[in-house]
C-alpha atoms as a PDB file:
ATOM      1  CA  MET A   1     126.222 102.619  54.848  1.00  0.00           C
ATOM      2  CA  LEU A   2     127.531 106.176  55.139  1.00  0.00           C
ATOM      3  CA  ARG A   3     124.441 107.201  57.122  1.00  0.00           C
ATOM      4  CA  ASN A   4     124.949 104.345  59.585  1.00  0.00           C
ATOM      5  CA  LYS A   5     128.622 105.270  60.034  1.00  0.00           C
ATOM      6  CA  ASN A   6     127.741 108.917  60.630  1.00  0.00           C
ATOM      7  CA  LYS A   7     125.159 107.879  63.242  1.00  0.00           C
ATOM      8  CA  ASP A   8     127.733 105.684  64.999  1.00  0.00           C
ATOM      9  CA  LEU A   9     130.210 108.565  65.075  1.00  0.00           C
ATOM     10  CA  GLU A  10     127.596 110.907  66.543  1.00  0.00           C
ATOM     11  CA  VAL A  11     126.698 108.360  69.233  1.00  0.00           C
ATOM     12  CA  ARG A  12     130.375 107.912  70.149  1.00  0.00           C
ATOM     13  CA  LYS A  13     130.879 111.680  70.358  1.00  0.00           C
ATOM     14  CA  ARG A  14     127.896 112.005  72.689  1.00  0.00           C
ATOM     15  CA  GLU A  15     129.193 109.182  74.873  1.00  0.00           C
ATOM     16  CA  LYS A  16     132.601 110.891  75.124  1.00  0.00           C
ATOM     17  CA  GLU A  17     130.931 114.204  76.049  1.00  0.00           C
ATOM     18  CA  ASP A  18     128.900 112.452  78.745  1.00  0.00           C
ATOM     19  CA  ILE A  19     132.069 110.865  80.160  1.00  0.00           C
ATOM     20  CA  LYS A  20     133.715 114.291  80.353  1.00  0.00           C
ATOM     21  CA  THR A  21     130.765 115.821  82.211  1.00  0.00           C
ATOM     22  CA  GLU A  22     130.000 112.880  84.521  1.00  0.00           C
ATOM     23  CA  VAL A  23     131.739 111.905  87.748  1.00  0.00           C
ATOM     24  CA  TYR A  24     131.366 108.466  89.296  1.00  0.00           C
ATOM     25  CA  ALA A  25     131.890 107.695  92.980  1.00  0.00           C
ATOM     26  CA  LEU A  26     131.698 104.224  94.526  1.00  0.00           C
ATOM     27  CA  SER A  27     131.835 103.279  98.189  1.00  0.00           C
ATOM     28  CA  GLN A  28     132.064  99.586  99.009  1.00  0.00           C
ATOM     29  CA  SER A  29     131.358  97.491 102.086  1.00  0.00           C
ATOM     30  CA  ILE A  30     129.652 100.173 104.163  1.00  0.00           C
ATOM     31  CA  SER A  31     128.488  98.687 107.459  1.00  0.00           C
ATOM     32  CA  MET A  32     124.805  99.352 106.899  1.00  0.00           C
ATOM     33  CA  SER A  33     121.788  97.622 105.387  1.00  0.00           C
ATOM     34  CA  ALA A  34     120.840  98.481 101.805  1.00  0.00           C
ATOM     35  CA  HIS A  35     117.319  99.405 102.928  1.00  0.00           C
ATOM     36  CA  LYS A  36     118.547 102.201 105.222  1.00  0.00           C
ATOM     37  CA  ALA A  37     120.825 103.654 102.544  1.00  0.00           C
ATOM     38  CA  ARG A  38     118.085 103.445  99.888  1.00  0.00           C
ATOM     39  CA  ARG A  39     115.722 105.405 102.121  1.00  0.00           C
ATOM     40  CA  VAL A  40     118.138 108.364 102.011  1.00  0.00           C
ATOM     41  CA  LEU A  41     119.104 108.037  98.327  1.00  0.00           C
ATOM     42  CA  ASP A  42     115.453 108.270  97.272  1.00  0.00           C
ATOM     43  CA  GLN A  43     115.338 111.764  98.793  1.00  0.00           C
ATOM     44  CA  ILE A  44     118.363 113.172  96.924  1.00  0.00           C
ATOM     45  CA  ARG A  45     118.102 111.548  93.484  1.00  0.00           C
ATOM     46  CA  GLY A  46     117.661 114.199  90.778  1.00  0.00           C
ATOM     47  CA  ARG A  47     118.584 117.140  93.022  1.00  0.00           C
ATOM     48  CA  SER A  48     121.416 119.621  92.684  1.00  0.00           C
ATOM     49  CA  TYR A  49     124.684 119.205  94.596  1.00  0.00           C
ATOM     50  CA  GLN A  50     124.195 122.144  96.974  1.00  0.00           C
ATOM     51  CA  GLU A  51     120.601 121.211  97.744  1.00  0.00           C
ATOM     52  CA  THR A  52     121.674 117.629  98.432  1.00  0.00           C
ATOM     53  CA  LEU A  53     124.283 118.696 100.997  1.00  0.00           C
ATOM     54  CA  MET A  54     121.694 120.788 102.811  1.00  0.00           C
ATOM     55  CA  ILE A  55     119.208 117.894 102.903  1.00  0.00           C
ATOM     56  CA  LEU A  56     121.795 115.413 104.178  1.00  0.00           C
ATOM     57  CA  GLU A  57     122.903 117.767 106.945  1.00  0.00           C
ATOM     58  CA  LEU A  58     119.342 118.135 108.245  1.00  0.00           C
ATOM     59  CA  MET A  59     118.104 114.535 107.926  1.00  0.00           C
ATOM     60  CA  PRO A  60     118.339 112.515 111.173  1.00  0.00           C
ATOM     61  CA  TYR A  61     119.348 109.140 109.662  1.00  0.00           C
ATOM     62  CA  ARG A  62     122.706 107.470 110.292  1.00  0.00           C
ATOM     63  CA  ALA A  63     123.079 106.682 106.580  1.00  0.00           C
ATOM     64  CA  CYS A  64     123.377 110.397 105.761  1.00  0.00           C
ATOM     65  CA  TYR A  65     126.996 110.739 106.937  1.00  0.00           C
ATOM     66  CA  PRO A  66     128.672 108.145 104.618  1.00  0.00           C
ATOM     67  CA  ILE A  67     126.534 109.344 101.675  1.00  0.00           C
ATOM     68  CA  PHE A  68     127.465 112.958 102.473  1.00  0.00           C
ATOM     69  CA  LYS A  69     131.196 112.073 102.436  1.00  0.00           C
ATOM     70  CA  LEU A  70     130.832 110.154  99.152  1.00  0.00           C
ATOM     71  CA  ILE A  71     129.038 113.010  97.343  1.00  0.00           C
ATOM     72  CA  TYR A  72     131.430 115.605  98.760  1.00  0.00           C
ATOM     73  CA  SER A  73     134.493 113.662  97.564  1.00  0.00           C
ATOM     74  CA  ALA A  74     132.920 113.127  94.113  1.00  0.00           C
ATOM     75  CA  ALA A  75     132.284 116.866  93.742  1.00  0.00           C
ATOM     76  CA  ALA A  76     135.845 117.638  94.882  1.00  0.00           C
ATOM     77  CA  ASN A  77     137.206 115.285  92.195  1.00  0.00           C
ATOM     78  CA  ALA A  78     135.003 116.941  89.587  1.00  0.00           C
ATOM     79  CA  LYS A  79     136.296 120.361  90.583  1.00  0.00           C
ATOM     80  CA  HIS A  80     140.035 119.608  90.848  1.00  0.00           C
ATOM     81  CA  ASN A  81     140.516 116.898  88.211  1.00  0.00           C
ATOM     82  CA  MET A  82     137.977 117.899  85.543  1.00  0.00           C
ATOM     83  CA  GLY A  83     137.530 121.626  86.218  1.00  0.00           C
ATOM     84  CA  LEU A  84     133.735 121.404  86.638  1.00  0.00           C
ATOM     85  CA  ASN A  85     131.710 123.954  88.602  1.00  0.00           C
ATOM     86  CA  GLU A  86     129.957 122.610  91.702  1.00  0.00           C
ATOM     87  CA  GLU A  87     126.947 124.890  91.134  1.00  0.00           C
ATOM     88  CA  TYR A  88     125.963 122.980  87.973  1.00  0.00           C
ATOM     89  CA  LEU A  89     126.353 119.446  89.342  1.00  0.00           C
ATOM     90  CA  VAL A  90     123.216 117.302  89.568  1.00  0.00           C
ATOM     91  CA  ILE A  91     122.832 113.783  90.967  1.00  0.00           C
ATOM     92  CA  ILE A  92     121.499 111.819  88.003  1.00  0.00           C
ATOM     93  CA  LYS A  93     122.074 108.354  89.454  1.00  0.00           C
ATOM     94  CA  ALA A  94     122.153 107.022  93.024  1.00  0.00           C
ATOM     95  CA  THR A  95     122.015 103.267  93.529  1.00  0.00           C
ATOM     96  CA  VAL A  96     122.724 100.871  96.366  1.00  0.00           C
ATOM     97  CA  ASN A  97     123.435  97.138  96.206  1.00  0.00           C
ATOM     98  CA  GLU A  98     123.658  94.586  98.971  1.00  0.00           C
ATOM     99  CA  GLY A  99     127.165  93.497  99.962  1.00  0.00           C
ATOM    100  CA  THR A 100     128.505  90.557 101.881  1.00  0.00           C
ATOM    101  CA  THR A 101     127.163  89.763 105.339  1.00  0.00           C
ATOM    102  CA  VAL A 102     129.920  89.933 107.937  1.00  0.00           C
ATOM    103  CA  LYS A 103     129.722  87.261 110.628  1.00  0.00           C
ATOM    104  CA  LYS A 104     131.081  88.184 114.053  1.00  0.00           C
ATOM    105  CA  LEU A 105     131.070  86.842 117.581  1.00  0.00           C
ATOM    106  CA  LYS A 106     129.751  89.044 120.342  1.00  0.00           C
ATOM    107  CA  PRO A 107     131.578  88.279 123.644  1.00  0.00           C
ATOM    108  CA  ARG A 108     129.523  87.711 126.761  1.00  0.00           C
ATOM    109  CA  ALA A 109     130.307  86.964 130.382  1.00  0.00           C
ATOM    110  CA  ARG A 110     132.121  83.805 131.540  1.00  0.00           C
ATOM    111  CA  GLY A 111     133.862  83.232 128.222  1.00  0.00           C
ATOM    112  CA  ARG A 112     130.666  82.786 126.241  1.00  0.00           C
ATOM    113  CA  SER A 113     129.718  84.406 122.930  1.00  0.00           C
ATOM    114  CA  TYR A 114     126.995  84.328 120.316  1.00  0.00           C
ATOM    115  CA  PRO A 115     127.180  84.953 116.534  1.00  0.00           C
ATOM    116  CA  ILE A 116     125.855  88.139 114.980  1.00  0.00           C
ATOM    117  CA  LYS A 117     125.466  89.148 111.320  1.00  0.00           C
ATOM    118  CA  ARG A 118     126.270  92.635 110.072  1.00  0.00           C
ATOM    119  CA  PRO A 119     124.937  93.540 106.574  1.00  0.00           C
ATOM    120  CA  THR A 120     126.980  95.710 104.218  1.00  0.00           C
ATOM    121  CA  CYS A 121     126.143  97.619 101.060  1.00  0.00           C
ATOM    122  CA  HIS A 122     127.793  99.276  98.054  1.00  0.00           C
ATOM    123  CA  ILE A 123     126.693 102.817  97.074  1.00  0.00           C
ATOM    124  CA  THR A 124     127.197 104.345  93.609  1.00  0.00           C
ATOM    125  CA  ILE A 125     126.741 108.072  92.937  1.00  0.00           C
ATOM    126  CA  VAL A 126     126.901 109.758  89.508  1.00  0.00           C
ATOM    127  CA  LEU A 127     127.158 113.562  89.268  1.00  0.00           C
ATOM    128  CA  LYS A 128     126.635 115.374  85.957  1.00  0.00           C
ATOM    129  CA  ASP A 129     127.496 118.913  84.869  1.00  0.00           C
ATOM    130  CA  ILE A 130     124.390 120.430  83.239  1.00  0.00           C
ATOM    131  CA  SER A 131     125.837 123.812  82.289  1.00  0.00           C
ATOM    132  CA  LEU A 132     126.276 122.788  78.621  1.00  0.00           C
ATOM    133  CA  TYR A 133     122.714 121.550  78.111  1.00  0.00           C
ATOM    134  CA  GLU A 134     119.559 123.378  77.068  1.00  0.00           C
ATOM    135  CA  GLU A 135     116.787 124.203  79.536  1.00  0.00           C
ATOM    136  CA  SER A 136     114.476 121.432  78.288  1.00  0.00           C
ATOM    137  CA  VAL A 137     117.211 118.825  78.816  1.00  0.00           C
ATOM    138  CA  VAL A 138     118.038 120.228  82.256  1.00  0.00           C
ATOM    139  CA  GLU A 139     114.390 119.843  83.313  1.00  0.00           C
ATOM    140  CA  ASN A 140     114.563 116.158  82.375  1.00  0.00           C
ATOM    141  CA  PHE A 141     117.592 115.706  84.647  1.00  0.00           C
ATOM    142  CA  ILE A 142     116.098 117.543  87.626  1.00  0.00           C
ATOM    143  CA  SER A 143     112.383 116.666  87.478  1.00  0.00           C
ATOM    144  CA  MET A 144     112.546 112.957  88.204  1.00  0.00           C
ATOM    145  CA  GLY A 145     109.568 112.786  90.569  1.00  0.00           C
ATOM    146  CA  GLN A 146     107.086 109.917  90.440  1.00  0.00           C
ATOM    147  CA  LYS A 147     103.995 111.731  91.715  1.00  0.00           C
ATOM    148  CA  ILE A 148     100.826 112.207  89.673  1.00  0.00           C
ATOM    149  CA  ASN A 149      97.747 114.337  90.143  1.00  0.00           C
ATOM    150  CA  PRO A 150      94.904 112.100  91.441  1.00  0.00           C
ATOM    151  CA  LEU A 151      92.346 113.887  89.243  1.00  0.00           C
ATOM    152  CA  GLY A 152      94.312 113.532  86.009  1.00  0.00           C
ATOM    153  CA  PHE A 153      95.100 109.914  86.905  1.00  0.00           C
ATOM    154  CA  ARG A 154      91.358 109.092  86.948  1.00  0.00           C
ATOM    155  CA  LEU A 155      90.180 111.020  83.895  1.00  0.00           C
ATOM    156  CA  GLY A 156      87.736 108.930  81.923  1.00  0.00           C
ATOM    157  CA  THR A 157      86.889 106.581  84.789  1.00  0.00           C
ATOM    158  CA  THR A 158      85.646 108.379  87.914  1.00  0.00           C
ATOM    159  CA  GLN A 159      86.681 111.935  87.008  1.00  0.00           C
ATOM    160  CA  GLY A 160      85.451 114.207  84.220  1.00  0.00           C
ATOM    161  CA  HIS A 161      86.817 117.382  82.660  1.00  0.00           C
ATOM    162  CA  HIS A 162      85.927 120.777  84.147  1.00  0.00           C
ATOM    163  CA  SER A 163      86.190 122.441  80.718  1.00  0.00           C
ATOM    164  CA  LEU A 164      84.427 121.106  77.631  1.00  0.00           C
ATOM    165  CA  TRP A 165      85.245 122.705  74.251  1.00  0.00           C
ATOM    166  CA  PHE A 166      86.979 122.043  70.953  1.00  0.00           C
ATOM    167  CA  ALA A 167      89.777 124.057  69.331  1.00  0.00           C
ATOM    168  CA  GLN A 168      92.399 123.694  66.652  1.00  0.00           C
ATOM    169  CA  PRO A 169      95.951 122.903  67.884  1.00  0.00           C
ATOM    170  CA  LYS A 170      97.214 126.427  67.149  1.00  0.00           C
ATOM    171  CA  ASN A 171      94.346 127.973  69.201  1.00  0.00           C
ATOM    172  CA  TYR A 172      94.470 125.494  72.088  1.00  0.00           C
ATOM    173  CA  SER A 173      96.783 127.574  74.299  1.00  0.00           C
ATOM    174  CA  LYS A 174      94.543 130.639  73.859  1.00  0.00           C
ATOM    175  CA  GLY A 175      91.551 128.619  75.015  1.00  0.00           C
ATOM    176  CA  LEU A 176      93.381 127.487  78.154  1.00  0.00           C
ATOM    177  CA  GLN A 177      94.408 131.046  78.992  1.00  0.00           C
ATOM    178  CA  GLU A 178      90.831 132.203  78.441  1.00  0.00           C
ATOM    179  CA  ASP A 179      89.529 129.581  80.887  1.00  0.00           C
ATOM    180  CA  GLN A 180      92.054 130.671  83.514  1.00  0.00           C
ATOM    181  CA  LYS A 181      91.047 134.333  83.092  1.00  0.00           C
ATOM    182  CA  ILE A 182      87.376 133.432  83.526  1.00  0.00           C
ATOM    183  CA  ARG A 183      88.065 131.505  86.738  1.00  0.00           C
ATOM    184  CA  ASP A 184      90.289 134.266  88.157  1.00  0.00           C
ATOM    185  CA  CYS A 185      87.712 136.952  87.329  1.00  0.00           C
ATOM    186  CA  ILE A 186      84.916 135.010  89.056  1.00  0.00           C
ATOM    187  CA  LYS A 187      87.019 134.301  92.163  1.00  0.00           C
ATOM    188  CA  ASN A 188      88.089 137.956  92.460  1.00  0.00           C
ATOM    189  CA  TYR A 189      84.478 139.138  92.193  1.00  0.00           C
ATOM    190  CA  VAL A 190      83.304 136.646  94.822  1.00  0.00           C
ATOM    191  CA  GLN A 191      86.070 137.713  97.225  1.00  0.00           C
ATOM    192  CA  LYS A 192      85.097 141.388  96.935  1.00  0.00           C
ATOM    193  CA  ASN A 193      81.329 140.907  97.228  1.00  0.00           C
ATOM    194  CA  MET A 194      80.962 138.190  99.874  1.00  0.00           C
ATOM    195  CA  ARG A 195      78.555 139.179 102.647  1.00  0.00           C
ATOM    196  CA  ILE A 196      80.892 137.985 105.423  1.00  0.00           C
ATOM    197  CA  SER A 197      84.628 138.468 105.860  1.00  0.00           C
ATOM    198  CA  SER A 198      85.521 134.921 106.905  1.00  0.00           C
ATOM    199  CA  GLY A 199      87.689 134.356 103.843  1.00  0.00           C
ATOM    200  CA  VAL A 200      85.734 131.249 102.742  1.00  0.00           C
ATOM    201  CA  GLU A 201      84.615 131.776  99.153  1.00  0.00           C
ATOM    202  CA  GLY A 202      82.748 128.490  99.020  1.00  0.00           C
ATOM    203  CA  ILE A 203      83.560 127.781  95.349  1.00  0.00           C
ATOM    204  CA  ALA A 204      84.003 124.058  94.854  1.00  0.00           C
ATOM    205  CA  ARG A 205      84.639 124.119  91.110  1.00  0.00           C
ATOM    206  CA  ILE A 206      83.840 126.139  87.983  1.00  0.00           C
ATOM    207  CA  GLU A 207      82.733 124.252  84.873  1.00  0.00           C
ATOM    208  CA  ILE A 208      83.069 125.905  81.453  1.00  0.00           C
ATOM    209  CA  GLN A 209      81.294 124.730  78.290  1.00  0.00           C
ATOM    210  CA  LYS A 210      82.082 126.588  75.067  1.00  0.00           C
ATOM    211  CA  ARG A 211      80.062 126.533  71.868  1.00  0.00           C
ATOM    212  CA  ILE A 212      80.267 128.598  68.700  1.00  0.00           C
ATOM    213  CA  ASP A 213      78.111 131.481  69.947  1.00  0.00           C
ATOM    214  CA  LEU A 214      77.615 130.656  73.653  1.00  0.00           C
ATOM    215  CA  ILE A 215      79.787 130.173  76.741  1.00  0.00           C
ATOM    216  CA  GLN A 216      78.052 128.361  79.582  1.00  0.00           C
ATOM    217  CA  ILE A 217      79.640 128.763  83.050  1.00  0.00           C
ATOM    218  CA  ILE A 218      78.379 126.706  86.001  1.00  0.00           C
ATOM    219  CA  ILE A 219      79.650 127.737  89.451  1.00  0.00           C
ATOM    220  CA  HIS A 220      79.332 125.017  92.090  1.00  0.00           C
ATOM    221  CA  MET A 221      79.160 126.804  95.459  1.00  0.00           C
ATOM    222  CA  GLY A 222      78.705 125.587  98.982  1.00  0.00           C
ATOM    223  CA  PHE A 223      77.210 128.849 100.292  1.00  0.00           C
ATOM    224  CA  PRO A 224      75.514 130.647  97.363  1.00  0.00           C
ATOM    225  CA  LYS A 225      73.252 132.700  99.677  1.00  0.00           C
ATOM    226  CA  LEU A 226      76.268 134.646 100.945  1.00  0.00           C
ATOM    227  CA  LEU A 227      76.780 136.002  97.431  1.00  0.00           C
ATOM    228  CA  VAL A 228      73.184 136.387  96.235  1.00  0.00           C
ATOM    229  CA  GLU A 229      71.464 137.688  99.373  1.00  0.00           C
ATOM    230  CA  GLY A 230      70.892 141.450  99.486  1.00  0.00           C
ATOM    231  CA  LYS A 231      71.527 141.965  95.770  1.00  0.00           C
ATOM    232  CA  PRO A 232      69.573 139.597  93.503  1.00  0.00           C
ATOM    233  CA  ARG A 233      71.239 141.106  90.402  1.00  0.00           C
ATOM    234  CA  ARG A 234      74.751 140.127  91.398  1.00  0.00           C
ATOM    235  CA  ILE A 235      74.814 137.321  88.848  1.00  0.00           C
ATOM    236  CA  GLU A 236      74.118 139.860  86.116  1.00  0.00           C
ATOM    237  CA  GLU A 237      76.907 142.095  87.480  1.00  0.00           C
ATOM    238  CA  LEU A 238      79.279 139.144  87.478  1.00  0.00           C
ATOM    239  CA  GLN A 239      78.284 138.365  83.904  1.00  0.00           C
ATOM    240  CA  MET A 240      78.984 141.946  82.823  1.00  0.00           C
ATOM    241  CA  ASN A 241      82.395 141.932  84.570  1.00  0.00           C
ATOM    242  CA  VAL A 242      83.465 138.748  82.801  1.00  0.00           C
ATOM    243  CA  GLN A 243      82.332 140.120  79.434  1.00  0.00           C
ATOM    244  CA  LYS A 244      84.304 143.339  79.978  1.00  0.00           C
ATOM    245  CA  GLU A 245      87.394 141.434  81.124  1.00  0.00           C
ATOM    246  CA  LEU A 246      87.481 139.162  78.067  1.00  0.00           C
ATOM    247  CA  ASN A 247      85.946 141.555  75.489  1.00  0.00           C
ATOM    248  CA  TYR A 248      83.173 139.225  74.334  1.00  0.00           C
ATOM    249  CA  VAL A 249      81.218 140.807  71.465  1.00  0.00           C
ATOM    250  CA  ASN A 250      79.931 138.036  69.219  1.00  0.00           C
ATOM    251  CA  ARG A 251      79.484 135.380  71.910  1.00  0.00           C
ATOM    252  CA  LYS A 252      76.839 135.244  74.626  1.00  0.00           C
ATOM    253  CA  LEU A 253      77.768 134.489  78.210  1.00  0.00           C
ATOM    254  CA  ASN A 254      75.511 132.564  80.570  1.00  0.00           C
ATOM    255  CA  ILE A 255      76.402 132.071  84.252  1.00  0.00           C
ATOM    256  CA  ALA A 256      74.521 129.722  86.557  1.00  0.00           C
ATOM    257  CA  ILE A 257      75.089 128.946  90.241  1.00  0.00           C
ATOM    258  CA  THR A 258      74.346 125.513  91.704  1.00  0.00           C
ATOM    259  CA  ARG A 259      74.373 124.695  95.392  1.00  0.00           C
ATOM    260  CA  ILE A 260      76.343 121.794  96.868  1.00  0.00           C
ATOM    261  CA  THR A 261      74.359 119.890  99.487  1.00  0.00           C
ATOM    262  CA  LYS A 262      77.393 118.946 101.598  1.00  0.00           C
ATOM    263  CA  PRO A 263      79.973 121.732 101.125  1.00  0.00           C
ATOM    264  CA  TYR A 264      82.570 120.431 103.580  1.00  0.00           C
ATOM    265  CA  GLY A 265      82.814 117.200 101.619  1.00  0.00           C
ATOM    266  CA  HIS A 266      84.717 119.063  98.887  1.00  0.00           C
ATOM    267  CA  PRO A 267      88.487 119.659  99.301  1.00  0.00           C
ATOM    268  CA  ASN A 268      88.535 123.243  97.931  1.00  0.00           C
ATOM    269  CA  ILE A 269      86.045 124.537 100.498  1.00  0.00           C
ATOM    270  CA  LEU A 270      87.801 122.575 103.236  1.00  0.00           C
ATOM    271  CA  ALA A 271      91.189 124.027 102.235  1.00  0.00           C
ATOM    272  CA  GLU A 272      89.760 127.552 102.421  1.00  0.00           C
ATOM    273  CA  PHE A 273      88.461 126.806 105.923  1.00  0.00           C
ATOM    274  CA  ILE A 274      91.904 125.558 107.068  1.00  0.00           C
ATOM    275  CA  ALA A 275      93.597 128.563 105.432  1.00  0.00           C
ATOM    276  CA  GLY A 276      91.332 130.947 107.348  1.00  0.00           C
ATOM    277  CA  GLN A 277      92.201 129.197 110.604  1.00  0.00           C
ATOM    278  CA  LEU A 278      95.939 129.382 109.891  1.00  0.00           C
ATOM    279  CA  ARG A 279      95.709 133.108 109.076  1.00  0.00           C
ATOM    280  CA  ASN A 280      94.119 133.648 112.494  1.00  0.00           C
ATOM    281  CA  ARG A 281      97.116 131.864 114.117  1.00  0.00           C
ATOM    282  CA  VAL A 282      95.150 128.812 115.180  1.00  0.00           C
ATOM    283  CA  SER A 283      97.263 125.700 115.794  1.00  0.00           C
ATOM    284  CA  PHE A 284      97.512 123.625 112.645  1.00  0.00           C
ATOM    285  CA  ARG A 285      96.550 120.420 114.492  1.00  0.00           C
ATOM    286  CA  LYS A 286      93.347 121.995 115.807  1.00  0.00           C
ATOM    287  CA  ALA A 287      92.523 123.297 112.327  1.00  0.00           C
ATOM    288  CA  ILE A 288      93.076 119.879 110.714  1.00  0.00           C
ATOM    289  CA  LYS A 289      91.080 118.004 113.380  1.00  0.00           C
ATOM    290  CA  LYS A 290      88.195 120.451 113.038  1.00  0.00           C
ATOM    291  CA  ALA A 291      88.267 119.999 109.251  1.00  0.00           C
ATOM    292  CA  ILE A 292      88.203 116.197 109.668  1.00  0.00           C
ATOM    293  CA  GLU A 293      85.164 116.521 111.943  1.00  0.00           C
ATOM    294  CA  LEU A 294      83.377 118.562 109.282  1.00  0.00           C
ATOM    295  CA  THR A 295      84.114 115.968 106.594  1.00  0.00           C
ATOM    296  CA  GLU A 296      82.788 113.162 108.789  1.00  0.00           C
ATOM    297  CA  GLN A 297      79.440 114.953 108.781  1.00  0.00           C
ATOM    298  CA  ALA A 298      79.522 114.857 104.955  1.00  0.00           C
ATOM    299  CA  ASP A 299      79.634 111.003 104.943  1.00  0.00           C
ATOM    300  CA  THR A 300      83.097 110.614 103.404  1.00  0.00           C
ATOM    301  CA  LYS A 301      85.029 107.357 103.705  1.00  0.00           C
ATOM    302  CA  GLY A 302      88.472 108.859 104.280  1.00  0.00           C
ATOM    303  CA  ILE A 303      90.505 112.052 104.247  1.00  0.00           C
ATOM    304  CA  GLN A 304      94.168 113.010 104.261  1.00  0.00           C
ATOM    305  CA  VAL A 305      95.334 116.569 104.984  1.00  0.00           C
ATOM    306  CA  GLN A 306      98.930 117.724 104.497  1.00  0.00           C
ATOM    307  CA  ILE A 307     100.433 121.102 105.406  1.00  0.00           C
ATOM    308  CA  ALA A 308     103.970 122.123 104.390  1.00  0.00           C
ATOM    309  CA  GLY A 309     106.049 125.208 105.158  1.00  0.00           C
ATOM    310  CA  ARG A 310     107.012 127.199 108.246  1.00  0.00           C
ATOM    311  CA  ILE A 311     104.252 125.754 110.393  1.00  0.00           C
ATOM    312  CA  ASP A 312     103.478 127.740 113.576  1.00  0.00           C
ATOM    313  CA  GLY A 313     106.299 130.147 112.695  1.00  0.00           C
ATOM    314  CA  LYS A 314     109.145 127.613 113.116  1.00  0.00           C
ATOM    315  CA  GLU A 315     112.387 128.571 111.396  1.00  0.00           C
ATOM    316  CA  ILE A 316     112.834 125.183 109.720  1.00  0.00           C
ATOM    317  CA  ALA A 317     110.120 124.239 107.231  1.00  0.00           C
ATOM    318  CA  ARG A 318     108.559 120.813 107.594  1.00  0.00           C
ATOM    319  CA  VAL A 319     105.648 118.689 106.380  1.00  0.00           C
ATOM    320  CA  GLU A 320     102.853 117.514 108.668  1.00  0.00           C
ATOM    321  CA  TRP A 321      99.940 115.297 107.646  1.00  0.00           C
ATOM    322  CA  ILE A 322      97.011 113.495 109.254  1.00  0.00           C
ATOM    323  CA  ARG A 323      94.927 110.717 107.721  1.00  0.00           C
ATOM    324  CA  GLU A 324      91.537 109.499 108.864  1.00  0.00           C
ATOM    325  CA  GLY A 325      89.877 106.479 107.253  1.00  0.00           C
ATOM    326  CA  ARG A 326      90.889 104.989 103.892  1.00  0.00           C
ATOM    327  CA  VAL A 327      92.535 106.950 101.068  1.00  0.00           C
ATOM    328  CA  PRO A 328      93.409 104.423  98.287  1.00  0.00           C
ATOM    329  CA  LEU A 329      95.396 106.638  95.900  1.00  0.00           C
ATOM    330  CA  GLN A 330      96.545 103.762  93.676  1.00  0.00           C
ATOM    331  CA  THR A 331      93.045 102.384  93.037  1.00  0.00           C
ATOM    332  CA  ILE A 332      91.693 103.884  89.821  1.00  0.00           C
ATOM    333  CA  ARG A 333      88.059 102.975  90.466  1.00  0.00           C
ATOM    334  CA  ALA A 334      88.203 104.843  93.803  1.00  0.00           C
ATOM    335  CA  LYS A 335      86.666 108.308  93.439  1.00  0.00           C
ATOM    336  CA  ILE A 336      89.053 110.749  95.123  1.00  0.00           C
ATOM    337  CA  ASP A 337      88.688 114.522  95.235  1.00  0.00           C
ATOM    338  CA  TYR A 338      91.961 116.452  95.486  1.00  0.00           C
ATOM    339  CA  CYS A 339      93.093 120.052  95.731  1.00  0.00           C
ATOM    340  CA  SER A 340      96.251 122.017  96.474  1.00  0.00           C
ATOM    341  CA  TYR A 341      95.910 125.457  98.061  1.00  0.00           C
ATOM    342  CA  ARG A 342      98.362 128.215  98.988  1.00  0.00           C
ATOM    343  CA  VAL A 343      97.846 130.413 102.008  1.00  0.00           C
ATOM    344  CA  ARG A 344      99.897 133.503 102.849  1.00  0.00           C
ATOM    345  CA  THR A 345     100.630 134.011 106.542  1.00  0.00           C
ATOM    346  CA  ILE A 346     102.898 136.436 108.409  1.00  0.00           C
ATOM    347  CA  TYR A 347     105.533 133.678 108.554  1.00  0.00           C
ATOM    348  CA  GLY A 348     105.484 132.927 104.834  1.00  0.00           C
ATOM    349  CA  VAL A 349     103.582 130.792 102.332  1.00  0.00           C
ATOM    350  CA  LEU A 350     102.087 127.486 103.477  1.00  0.00           C
ATOM    351  CA  GLY A 351     100.899 124.755 101.139  1.00  0.00           C
ATOM    352  CA  ILE A 352      97.764 122.731 101.874  1.00  0.00           C
ATOM    353  CA  LYS A 353      96.931 119.468 100.097  1.00  0.00           C
ATOM    354  CA  ILE A 354      93.721 117.532 100.723  1.00  0.00           C
ATOM    355  CA  TRP A 355      92.658 114.103  99.477  1.00  0.00           C
ATOM    356  CA  ILE A 356      89.049 112.976 100.134  1.00  0.00           C
ATOM    357  CA  PHE A 357      87.903 109.427  99.428  1.00  0.00           C
ATOM    358  CA  VAL A 358      84.245 109.607  98.385  1.00  0.00           C
ATOM    359  CA  GLY A 359      83.611 105.985  97.383  1.00  0.00           C
ATOM    360  CA  GLU A 360      84.207 103.332  94.744  1.00  0.00           C
ATOM    361  CA  GLU A 361      82.444 103.067  91.399  1.00  0.00           C
END
């Protein structure tokens, strides 16, 4: 009985603390449909107060102005009435409900009129001060996205692991770091020793298989001749570099290179091609259309390319995307290759995301 009472007291204390750090704001009977308001609220839910104001000022929708006023007044109440700092306010809840439909008569010529219906909605905003919480709790408030990596979503069905090994829980993080070092070392060596300076490495993926006394590395490349031609012992040099980087003494290292028959059907190679075009100041639309043409030659069923950042040197960052064919992201049996790639230009960093629909299994 005493334990239950203590638990109830702790729950009540937490509820009181939440009430002290939360600010509610409600706006009723706004002359707007709930759908239009929800389209804006989905963009600001889980974001900080200052970031939300910036987003609402730049968005072109009519629903932004009443939502902007509501959030601004809620933050002002939190500052003046409760003494909270605006820098630590986060929108943890943003909901909209349908209100009553207002019936009006629109006047027309010669004393006539016809009825019209105007929908209304009620908007509720909850701001929370996160300055008193730990970092792990703050991440739960802010990271409320609903996106998932297409490769991880299909593990076990159409997608396999790129690293195969076993480790105890306490050594698992070391194994992950070791895999990342191996991949970085191989990519750096390929960049330095490529025969041409186009910037396309041609590495689709690197598979790592670890055993007790052997590490097997398989490099899937689209253009292996560019690395091997001229120096047939480059694979041995690469093997020696990896061994020196990771200080392998008791374990053997074996590196093999396999050629991909249709290189431009893989998103990593395609992203490198687009990145090279953007570095040379080619228009992003021309680069994307050329990449789509290359994938059509690889017999793919669909592709979607997205570029985000200061595209073409514009001062305001934006997101542009083009889709060709089918890209069923929510179908698990659909085999989809995905990659995200960063490219550094003179205007800043651009992000490239590519989804390629190969087929269904």
